[in-house]
C-alpha atoms as a PDB file:
ATOM      1  CA  MET A   1       0.046  -0.024   0.030  1.00  0.00           C
ATOM      2  CA  SER A   2       2.683   2.507   0.870  1.00  0.00           C
ATOM      3  CA  ALA A   3       4.641   2.294  -2.477  1.00  0.00           C
ATOM      4  CA  GLU A   4       1.292   2.490  -4.408  1.00  0.00           C
ATOM      5  CA  THR A   5       0.158   5.414  -2.200  1.00  0.00           C
ATOM      6  CA  GLU A   6       3.437   7.131  -2.778  1.00  0.00           C
ATOM      7  CA  GLU A   7       3.067   6.784  -6.422  1.00  0.00           C
ATOM      8  CA  ILE A   8      -0.390   8.241  -6.416  1.00  0.00           C
ATOM      9  CA  VAL A   9       0.468  11.122  -4.195  1.00  0.00           C
ATOM     10  CA  LEU A  10       3.558  11.856  -6.292  1.00  0.00           C
ATOM     11  CA  ARG A  11       1.550  11.738  -9.639  1.00  0.00           C
ATOM     12  CA  GLU A  12      -1.131  14.141  -8.225  1.00  0.00           C
ATOM     13  CA  TRP A  13       1.591  16.358  -6.573  1.00  0.00           C
ATOM     14  CA  THR A  14       3.371  16.804  -9.914  1.00  0.00           C
ATOM     15  CA  ARG A  15       0.143  17.328 -12.004  1.00  0.00           C
ATOM     16  CA  GLN A  16      -0.997  20.274  -9.791  1.00  0.00           C
ATOM     17  CA  LEU A  17       2.423  21.842  -9.796  1.00  0.00           C
ATOM     18  CA  GLY A  18       3.013  21.241 -13.528  1.00  0.00           C
ATOM     19  CA  VAL A  19       6.452  19.677 -12.930  1.00  0.00           C
ATOM     20  CA  ASP A  20       7.921  16.542 -14.265  1.00  0.00           C
ATOM     21  CA  GLU A  21       9.454  15.251 -11.010  1.00  0.00           C
ATOM     22  CA  ALA A  22       9.730  15.893  -7.318  1.00  0.00           C
ATOM     23  CA  ARG A  23      11.683  14.429  -4.417  1.00  0.00           C
ATOM     24  CA  ALA A  24      10.653  13.407  -0.947  1.00  0.00           C
ATOM     25  CA  GLU A  25      12.157  16.492   0.581  1.00  0.00           C
ATOM     26  CA  ASP A  26      10.319  18.990  -1.844  1.00  0.00           C
ATOM     27  CA  ASP A  27       7.900  21.452  -0.212  1.00  0.00           C
ATOM     28  CA  PHE A  28       4.749  22.015  -2.074  1.00  0.00           C
ATOM     29  CA  PHE A  29       4.468  25.713  -1.357  1.00  0.00           C
ATOM     30  CA  GLY A  30       8.314  26.188  -1.948  1.00  0.00           C
ATOM     31  CA  MET A  31       7.769  24.811  -5.368  1.00  0.00           C
ATOM     32  CA  GLY A  32       5.247  27.430  -6.157  1.00  0.00           C
ATOM     33  CA  GLY A  33       2.068  25.738  -5.100  1.00  0.00           C
ATOM     34  CA  ASN A  34      -0.835  27.919  -4.011  1.00  0.00           C
ATOM     35  CA  SER A  35      -3.831  27.559  -1.917  1.00  0.00           C
ATOM     36  CA  LEU A  36      -6.029  26.685  -4.931  1.00  0.00           C
ATOM     37  CA  GLN A  37      -3.667  24.009  -6.031  1.00  0.00           C
ATOM     38  CA  ALA A  38      -3.377  22.765  -2.549  1.00  0.00           C
ATOM     39  CA  ALA A  39      -7.254  22.214  -2.312  1.00  0.00           C
ATOM     40  CA  GLU A  40      -7.355  20.677  -5.792  1.00  0.00           C
ATOM     41  CA  LEU A  41      -4.486  18.267  -4.796  1.00  0.00           C
ATOM     42  CA  MET A  42      -6.270  17.193  -1.752  1.00  0.00           C
ATOM     43  CA  ALA A  43      -9.645  16.795  -3.502  1.00  0.00           C
ATOM     44  CA  ALA A  44      -7.817  14.598  -6.125  1.00  0.00           C
ATOM     45  CA  LEU A  45      -6.233  12.495  -3.384  1.00  0.00           C
ATOM     46  CA  SER A  46      -9.631  12.158  -1.675  1.00  0.00           C
ATOM     47  CA  ARG A  47     -11.158  10.791  -4.895  1.00  0.00           C
ATOM     48  CA  GLU A  48      -8.157   8.435  -5.418  1.00  0.00           C
ATOM     49  CA  PHE A  49      -8.352   6.911  -1.885  1.00  0.00           C
ATOM     50  CA  GLY A  50     -12.130   6.919  -1.391  1.00  0.00           C
ATOM     51  CA  THR A  51     -11.773   9.014   1.879  1.00  0.00           C
ATOM     52  CA  ARG A  52     -11.793  12.549   2.983  1.00  0.00           C
ATOM     53  CA  LEU A  53      -8.296  14.174   3.236  1.00  0.00           C
ATOM     54  CA  ARG A  54      -8.605  17.651   4.521  1.00  0.00           C
ATOM     55  CA  LEU A  55      -6.585  20.497   3.432  1.00  0.00           C
ATOM     56  CA  ALA A  56      -5.100  20.680   6.740  1.00  0.00           C
ATOM     57  CA  VAL A  57      -3.378  17.475   6.138  1.00  0.00           C
ATOM     58  CA  LEU A  58      -1.217  19.341   3.420  1.00  0.00           C
ATOM     59  CA  LEU A  59      -0.848  22.414   5.382  1.00  0.00           C
ATOM     60  CA  ARG A  60       0.583  20.520   8.268  1.00  0.00           C
ATOM     61  CA  ASN A  61       2.666  18.344   6.026  1.00  0.00           C
ATOM     62  CA  PRO A  62       3.774  20.537   2.913  1.00  0.00           C
ATOM     63  CA  VAL A  63       6.891  18.363   2.408  1.00  0.00           C
ATOM     64  CA  LEU A  64       6.159  15.524  -0.134  1.00  0.00           C
ATOM     65  CA  GLY A  65       7.572  12.632   2.048  1.00  0.00           C
ATOM     66  CA  ASP A  66       5.605  13.817   5.161  1.00  0.00           C
ATOM     67  CA  LEU A  67       2.540  14.278   3.044  1.00  0.00           C
ATOM     68  CA  VAL A  68       2.886  10.502   1.929  1.00  0.00           C
ATOM     69  CA  LYS A  69       3.195   9.411   5.483  1.00  0.00           C
ATOM     70  CA  ALA A  70       0.165  11.448   6.563  1.00  0.00           C
ATOM     71  CA  VAL A  71      -1.937  10.119   3.701  1.00  0.00           C
ATOM     72  CA  VAL A  72      -0.881   6.534   4.516  1.00  0.00           C
ATOM     73  CA  ASP A  73      -1.900   7.224   8.103  1.00  0.00           C
ATOM     74  CA  THR A  74      -5.196   8.531   7.226  1.00  0.00           C
ATOM     75  CA  VAL A  75      -6.144   5.781   4.704  1.00  0.00           C
ATOM     76  CA  ARG A  76      -5.220   3.089   7.127  1.00  0.00           C
ATOM     77  CA  ARG A  77      -7.790   4.270   9.646  1.00  0.00           C
END
């Protein structure tokens, strides 16, 4: 689940930011992400995982690696 989750989060992250790649230590807002893109990212992830992922999850975990961990934790509940 974790590798698959990481792949999905990475795909949606790069799609929202319009970049080709990202590293685990990259910060969403540091890469130019804005609040609208953040909301769209979390909505896309919520659809992908079939659970509600609040915008606050990204705001508390703006670094890609941390976001993946937070999503894994949320999806497991």
